[in-house]
Amino acid sequence: MDDGGDLQPGRDFIIALAIAVAADAAIFLAPGVEFPVLHTILNTGIALGTCAVSLLFLDLGMRTGAPLLRRMATIFAVVGVLEIMHVLAALEPASASDLINELHRHLRSGAWAPPAYLLPLGIGIAIFDVRTVYADTTSTVAAPLKTSFSARRAEQISIGS
C-alpha cells in the first residue's frame, strides 16, 4: 500500500458514485422487489449509517478536543436513535395486546418526521453555535429566553403603573 501518494478526491468520488449507481440499478431492476421490505432494509441501512457516523464524530471529537465534532456526534446519535425508532415503527405489530398494536399504528405515521427535520436543524445550530463568541450551548438557548422574559416583565411593569 502506497501511503505517500497524493489524495485524489475527484477520482474517489467518481468511483463511489459508480458503485452507488450500480447498486441502485441492481436493486430497482431486480424482478419482484417488494416495496415495504425494501423500505425497511433501506431505513435500517440509514439508521446504521447514522449511528456509525456518530461514532466516528465522537472518536474524532475525543481525539482532537473539537467541540463541533462532539456536538455533531451528539446530533447524529440522537438522529440514529430516532431512525431506529422509525425502523421499528415500520414493522408490523406482533403483540397480543390490542392497545400496544394501536399505539404502534399511531407511532408509524409520525416516526419519519423527527429525524428528517432534526438532522439539518441540529447541524445548523451546531455550526452557528461554534461561530458565536460564546461557544457554550447554554448561552445560545438562554439569551432568547432572557430577552423574552425581560420584555414580558417590562410589559407587566408598564401595565401595572
C-alpha atoms as a PDB file:
ATOM      1  CA  MET A   1       0.000   0.000   0.000  1.00  0.00           C
ATOM      2  CA  ASP A   2       1.398   3.363  -1.016  1.00  0.00           C
ATOM      3  CA  ASP A   3       0.992   5.801   1.893  1.00  0.00           C
ATOM      4  CA  GLY A   4       2.971   8.570   0.229  1.00  0.00           C
ATOM      5  CA  GLY A   5       0.637   9.114  -2.748  1.00  0.00           C
ATOM      6  CA  ASP A   6      -1.399  12.233  -3.330  1.00  0.00           C
ATOM      7  CA  LEU A   7      -5.060  12.306  -2.404  1.00  0.00           C
ATOM      8  CA  GLN A   8      -7.407  12.184  -5.360  1.00  0.00           C
ATOM      9  CA  PRO A   9     -10.876  13.071  -4.041  1.00  0.00           C
ATOM     10  CA  GLY A  10     -12.339  13.536  -7.537  1.00  0.00           C
ATOM     11  CA  ARG A  11     -11.382  10.028  -8.591  1.00  0.00           C
ATOM     12  CA  ASP A  12     -12.616   8.569  -5.297  1.00  0.00           C
ATOM     13  CA  PHE A  13     -15.936  10.396  -5.679  1.00  0.00           C
ATOM     14  CA  ILE A  14     -16.416   9.059  -9.211  1.00  0.00           C
ATOM     15  CA  ILE A  15     -15.687   5.500  -8.028  1.00  0.00           C
ATOM     16  CA  ALA A  16     -18.140   5.827  -5.108  1.00  0.00           C
ATOM     17  CA  LEU A  17     -20.781   7.309  -7.422  1.00  0.00           C
ATOM     18  CA  ALA A  18     -20.347   4.464  -9.932  1.00  0.00           C
ATOM     19  CA  ILE A  19     -20.725   1.876  -7.162  1.00  0.00           C
ATOM     20  CA  ALA A  20     -23.866   3.628  -5.878  1.00  0.00           C
ATOM     21  CA  VAL A  21     -25.407   3.773  -9.373  1.00  0.00           C
ATOM     22  CA  ALA A  22     -24.633   0.080  -9.928  1.00  0.00           C
ATOM     23  CA  ALA A  23     -26.205  -0.822  -6.569  1.00  0.00           C
ATOM     24  CA  ASP A  24     -29.283   1.289  -7.358  1.00  0.00           C
ATOM     25  CA  ALA A  25     -29.666  -0.380 -10.735  1.00  0.00           C
ATOM     26  CA  ALA A  26     -29.341  -3.830  -9.151  1.00  0.00           C
ATOM     27  CA  ILE A  27     -31.979  -3.028  -6.540  1.00  0.00           C
ATOM     28  CA  PHE A  28     -34.545  -1.346  -8.758  1.00  0.00           C
ATOM     29  CA  LEU A  29     -34.181  -3.587 -11.792  1.00  0.00           C
ATOM     30  CA  ALA A  30     -34.500  -6.815  -9.818  1.00  0.00           C
ATOM     31  CA  PRO A  31     -37.779  -8.622 -10.524  1.00  0.00           C
ATOM     32  CA  GLY A  32     -40.333  -8.819  -7.736  1.00  0.00           C
ATOM     33  CA  VAL A  33     -38.966  -6.133  -5.445  1.00  0.00           C
ATOM     34  CA  GLU A  34     -41.418  -5.690  -2.562  1.00  0.00           C
ATOM     35  CA  PHE A  35     -41.529  -2.031  -1.582  1.00  0.00           C
ATOM     36  CA  PRO A  36     -42.316  -2.474   2.152  1.00  0.00           C
ATOM     37  CA  VAL A  37     -39.430  -4.912   2.572  1.00  0.00           C
ATOM     38  CA  LEU A  38     -37.093  -2.723   0.529  1.00  0.00           C
ATOM     39  CA  HIS A  39     -38.205   0.323   2.510  1.00  0.00           C
ATOM     40  CA  THR A  40     -37.390  -1.424   5.793  1.00  0.00           C
ATOM     41  CA  ILE A  41     -33.997  -2.562   4.500  1.00  0.00           C
ATOM     42  CA  LEU A  42     -33.089   0.943   3.321  1.00  0.00           C
ATOM     43  CA  ASN A  43     -34.284   2.535   6.590  1.00  0.00           C
ATOM     44  CA  THR A  44     -32.200   0.044   8.564  1.00  0.00           C
ATOM     45  CA  GLY A  45     -29.160   0.938   6.466  1.00  0.00           C
ATOM     46  CA  ILE A  46     -29.737   4.641   7.073  1.00  0.00           C
ATOM     47  CA  ALA A  47     -30.103   4.069  10.823  1.00  0.00           C
ATOM     48  CA  LEU A  48     -26.902   2.008  10.998  1.00  0.00           C
ATOM     49  CA  GLY A  49     -25.018   4.509   8.844  1.00  0.00           C
ATOM     50  CA  THR A  50     -26.162   7.408  11.032  1.00  0.00           C
ATOM     51  CA  CYS A  51     -25.025   5.576  14.168  1.00  0.00           C
ATOM     52  CA  ALA A  52     -21.658   4.768  12.555  1.00  0.00           C
ATOM     53  CA  VAL A  53     -21.134   8.423  11.586  1.00  0.00           C
ATOM     54  CA  SER A  54     -21.996   9.390  15.161  1.00  0.00           C
ATOM     55  CA  LEU A  55     -19.309   7.066  16.495  1.00  0.00           C
ATOM     56  CA  LEU A  56     -16.795   8.465  14.003  1.00  0.00           C
ATOM     57  CA  PHE A  57     -17.571  12.042  15.065  1.00  0.00           C
ATOM     58  CA  LEU A  58     -17.304  11.005  18.718  1.00  0.00           C
ATOM     59  CA  ASP A  59     -13.907   9.401  18.149  1.00  0.00           C
ATOM     60  CA  LEU A  60     -12.605  12.424  16.232  1.00  0.00           C
ATOM     61  CA  GLY A  61     -14.029  14.822  18.805  1.00  0.00           C
ATOM     62  CA  MET A  62     -12.418  12.976  21.705  1.00  0.00           C
ATOM     63  CA  ARG A  63      -9.052  12.771  19.934  1.00  0.00           C
ATOM     64  CA  THR A  64      -8.951  16.394  18.773  1.00  0.00           C
ATOM     65  CA  GLY A  65     -10.996  18.054  21.512  1.00  0.00           C
ATOM     66  CA  ALA A  66     -13.007  19.957  18.896  1.00  0.00           C
ATOM     67  CA  PRO A  67     -16.389  20.993  20.335  1.00  0.00           C
ATOM     68  CA  LEU A  68     -18.048  20.983  16.894  1.00  0.00           C
ATOM     69  CA  LEU A  69     -17.206  17.319  16.364  1.00  0.00           C
ATOM     70  CA  ARG A  70     -18.551  16.354  19.783  1.00  0.00           C
ATOM     71  CA  ARG A  71     -21.779  18.255  19.097  1.00  0.00           C
ATOM     72  CA  MET A  72     -22.092  16.577  15.716  1.00  0.00           C
ATOM     73  CA  ALA A  73     -21.622  13.197  17.417  1.00  0.00           C
ATOM     74  CA  THR A  74     -24.470  14.024  19.791  1.00  0.00           C
ATOM     75  CA  ILE A  75     -26.746  15.183  16.975  1.00  0.00           C
ATOM     76  CA  PHE A  76     -26.066  12.100  14.868  1.00  0.00           C
ATOM     77  CA  ALA A  77     -26.564   9.809  17.897  1.00  0.00           C
ATOM     78  CA  VAL A  78     -29.983  11.317  18.619  1.00  0.00           C
ATOM     79  CA  VAL A  79     -30.957  11.106  14.949  1.00  0.00           C
ATOM     80  CA  GLY A  80     -29.698   7.498  14.852  1.00  0.00           C
ATOM     81  CA  VAL A  81     -31.920   6.540  17.781  1.00  0.00           C
ATOM     82  CA  LEU A  82     -34.891   8.244  16.102  1.00  0.00           C
ATOM     83  CA  GLU A  83     -34.106   6.412  12.855  1.00  0.00           C
ATOM     84  CA  ILE A  84     -34.094   3.099  14.744  1.00  0.00           C
ATOM     85  CA  MET A  85     -37.489   4.022  16.192  1.00  0.00           C
ATOM     86  CA  HIS A  86     -38.658   4.716  12.624  1.00  0.00           C
ATOM     87  CA  VAL A  87     -37.479   1.265  11.529  1.00  0.00           C
ATOM     88  CA  LEU A  88     -39.247  -0.379  14.465  1.00  0.00           C
ATOM     89  CA  ALA A  89     -42.421   1.567  13.700  1.00  0.00           C
ATOM     90  CA  ALA A  90     -42.360   0.354  10.089  1.00  0.00           C
ATOM     91  CA  LEU A  91     -42.518  -3.293  11.179  1.00  0.00           C
ATOM     92  CA  GLU A  92     -45.878  -4.970  11.519  1.00  0.00           C
ATOM     93  CA  PRO A  93     -47.208  -5.050  15.091  1.00  0.00           C
ATOM     94  CA  ALA A  94     -46.897  -8.543  16.541  1.00  0.00           C
ATOM     95  CA  SER A  95     -48.155  -8.030  20.073  1.00  0.00           C
ATOM     96  CA  ALA A  96     -51.085  -9.898  21.584  1.00  0.00           C
ATOM     97  CA  SER A  97     -52.281  -6.644  23.156  1.00  0.00           C
ATOM     98  CA  ASP A  98     -54.687  -4.571  21.080  1.00  0.00           C
ATOM     99  CA  LEU A  99     -53.662  -1.424  22.975  1.00  0.00           C
ATOM    100  CA  ILE A 100     -49.983  -1.863  22.066  1.00  0.00           C
ATOM    101  CA  ASN A 101     -50.872  -2.662  18.450  1.00  0.00           C
ATOM    102  CA  GLU A 102     -52.986   0.502  18.206  1.00  0.00           C
ATOM    103  CA  LEU A 103     -50.207   2.592  19.759  1.00  0.00           C
ATOM    104  CA  HIS A 104     -47.796   1.058  17.265  1.00  0.00           C
ATOM    105  CA  ARG A 105     -50.058   2.041  14.342  1.00  0.00           C
ATOM    106  CA  HIS A 106     -50.215   5.649  15.577  1.00  0.00           C
ATOM    107  CA  LEU A 107     -46.437   5.737  16.008  1.00  0.00           C
ATOM    108  CA  ARG A 108     -45.949   4.520  12.448  1.00  0.00           C
ATOM    109  CA  SER A 109     -47.481   7.606  10.829  1.00  0.00           C
ATOM    110  CA  GLY A 110     -45.327  10.120  12.690  1.00  0.00           C
ATOM    111  CA  ALA A 111     -41.980   8.370  13.029  1.00  0.00           C
ATOM    112  CA  TRP A 112     -40.277   9.740   9.914  1.00  0.00           C
ATOM    113  CA  ALA A 113     -40.510  13.478  10.632  1.00  0.00           C
ATOM    114  CA  PRO A 114     -38.312  13.927  13.736  1.00  0.00           C
ATOM    115  CA  PRO A 115     -35.080  12.555  12.246  1.00  0.00           C
ATOM    116  CA  ALA A 116     -35.765  14.201   8.890  1.00  0.00           C
ATOM    117  CA  TYR A 117     -36.012  17.664  10.433  1.00  0.00           C
ATOM    118  CA  LEU A 118     -33.701  17.267  13.423  1.00  0.00           C
ATOM    119  CA  LEU A 119     -30.546  16.456  11.460  1.00  0.00           C
ATOM    120  CA  PRO A 120     -30.329  19.649   9.354  1.00  0.00           C
ATOM    121  CA  LEU A 121     -31.607  21.763  12.241  1.00  0.00           C
ATOM    122  CA  GLY A 122     -29.074  20.269  14.658  1.00  0.00           C
ATOM    123  CA  ILE A 123     -26.176  20.672  12.231  1.00  0.00           C
ATOM    124  CA  GLY A 124     -27.152  24.302  11.605  1.00  0.00           C
ATOM    125  CA  ILE A 125     -27.331  25.044  15.321  1.00  0.00           C
ATOM    126  CA  ALA A 126     -24.010  23.299  15.958  1.00  0.00           C
ATOM    127  CA  ILE A 127     -22.252  25.296  13.239  1.00  0.00           C
ATOM    128  CA  PHE A 128     -23.874  28.566  14.337  1.00  0.00           C
ATOM    129  CA  ASP A 129     -23.016  27.865  17.961  1.00  0.00           C
ATOM    130  CA  VAL A 130     -19.326  27.311  17.183  1.00  0.00           C
ATOM    131  CA  ARG A 131     -19.175  30.563  15.221  1.00  0.00           C
ATOM    132  CA  THR A 132     -20.544  32.706  18.075  1.00  0.00           C
ATOM    133  CA  VAL A 133     -18.343  34.362  20.648  1.00  0.00           C
ATOM    134  CA  TYR A 134     -19.855  32.222  23.372  1.00  0.00           C
ATOM    135  CA  ALA A 135     -19.342  28.604  22.325  1.00  0.00           C
ATOM    136  CA  ASP A 136     -21.477  27.464  25.244  1.00  0.00           C
ATOM    137  CA  THR A 137     -24.789  25.934  24.179  1.00  0.00           C
ATOM    138  CA  THR A 138     -26.472  27.249  27.305  1.00  0.00           C
ATOM    139  CA  SER A 139     -25.858  30.857  26.276  1.00  0.00           C
ATOM    140  CA  THR A 140     -27.368  30.185  22.845  1.00  0.00           C
ATOM    141  CA  VAL A 141     -30.552  28.871  24.405  1.00  0.00           C
ATOM    142  CA  ALA A 142     -30.651  31.205  27.406  1.00  0.00           C
ATOM    143  CA  ALA A 143     -30.222  34.521  25.544  1.00  0.00           C
ATOM    144  CA  PRO A 144     -33.587  34.437  23.692  1.00  0.00           C
ATOM    145  CA  LEU A 145     -35.353  33.211  26.824  1.00  0.00           C
ATOM    146  CA  LYS A 146     -33.845  36.013  28.912  1.00  0.00           C
ATOM    147  CA  THR A 147     -34.818  38.610  26.299  1.00  0.00           C
ATOM    148  CA  SER A 148     -38.363  37.258  26.139  1.00  0.00           C
ATOM    149  CA  PHE A 149     -38.661  37.226  29.927  1.00  0.00           C
ATOM    150  CA  SER A 150     -37.289  40.792  30.197  1.00  0.00           C
ATOM    151  CA  ALA A 151     -39.756  42.070  27.570  1.00  0.00           C
ATOM    152  CA  ARG A 152     -42.714  40.447  29.341  1.00  0.00           C
ATOM    153  CA  ARG A 153     -41.584  41.761  32.710  1.00  0.00           C
ATOM    154  CA  ALA A 154     -41.289  45.276  31.242  1.00  0.00           C
ATOM    155  CA  GLU A 155     -44.820  44.984  29.842  1.00  0.00           C
ATOM    156  CA  GLN A 156     -46.168  43.891  33.218  1.00  0.00           C
ATOM    157  CA  ILE A 157     -44.451  46.797  34.974  1.00  0.00           C
ATOM    158  CA  SER A 158     -45.752  49.357  32.439  1.00  0.00           C
ATOM    159  CA  ILE A 159     -49.299  47.940  32.621  1.00  0.00           C
ATOM    160  CA  GLY A 160     -49.257  47.939  36.420  1.00  0.00           C
ATOM    161  CA  SER A 161     -48.083  51.572  36.623  1.00  0.00           C
END
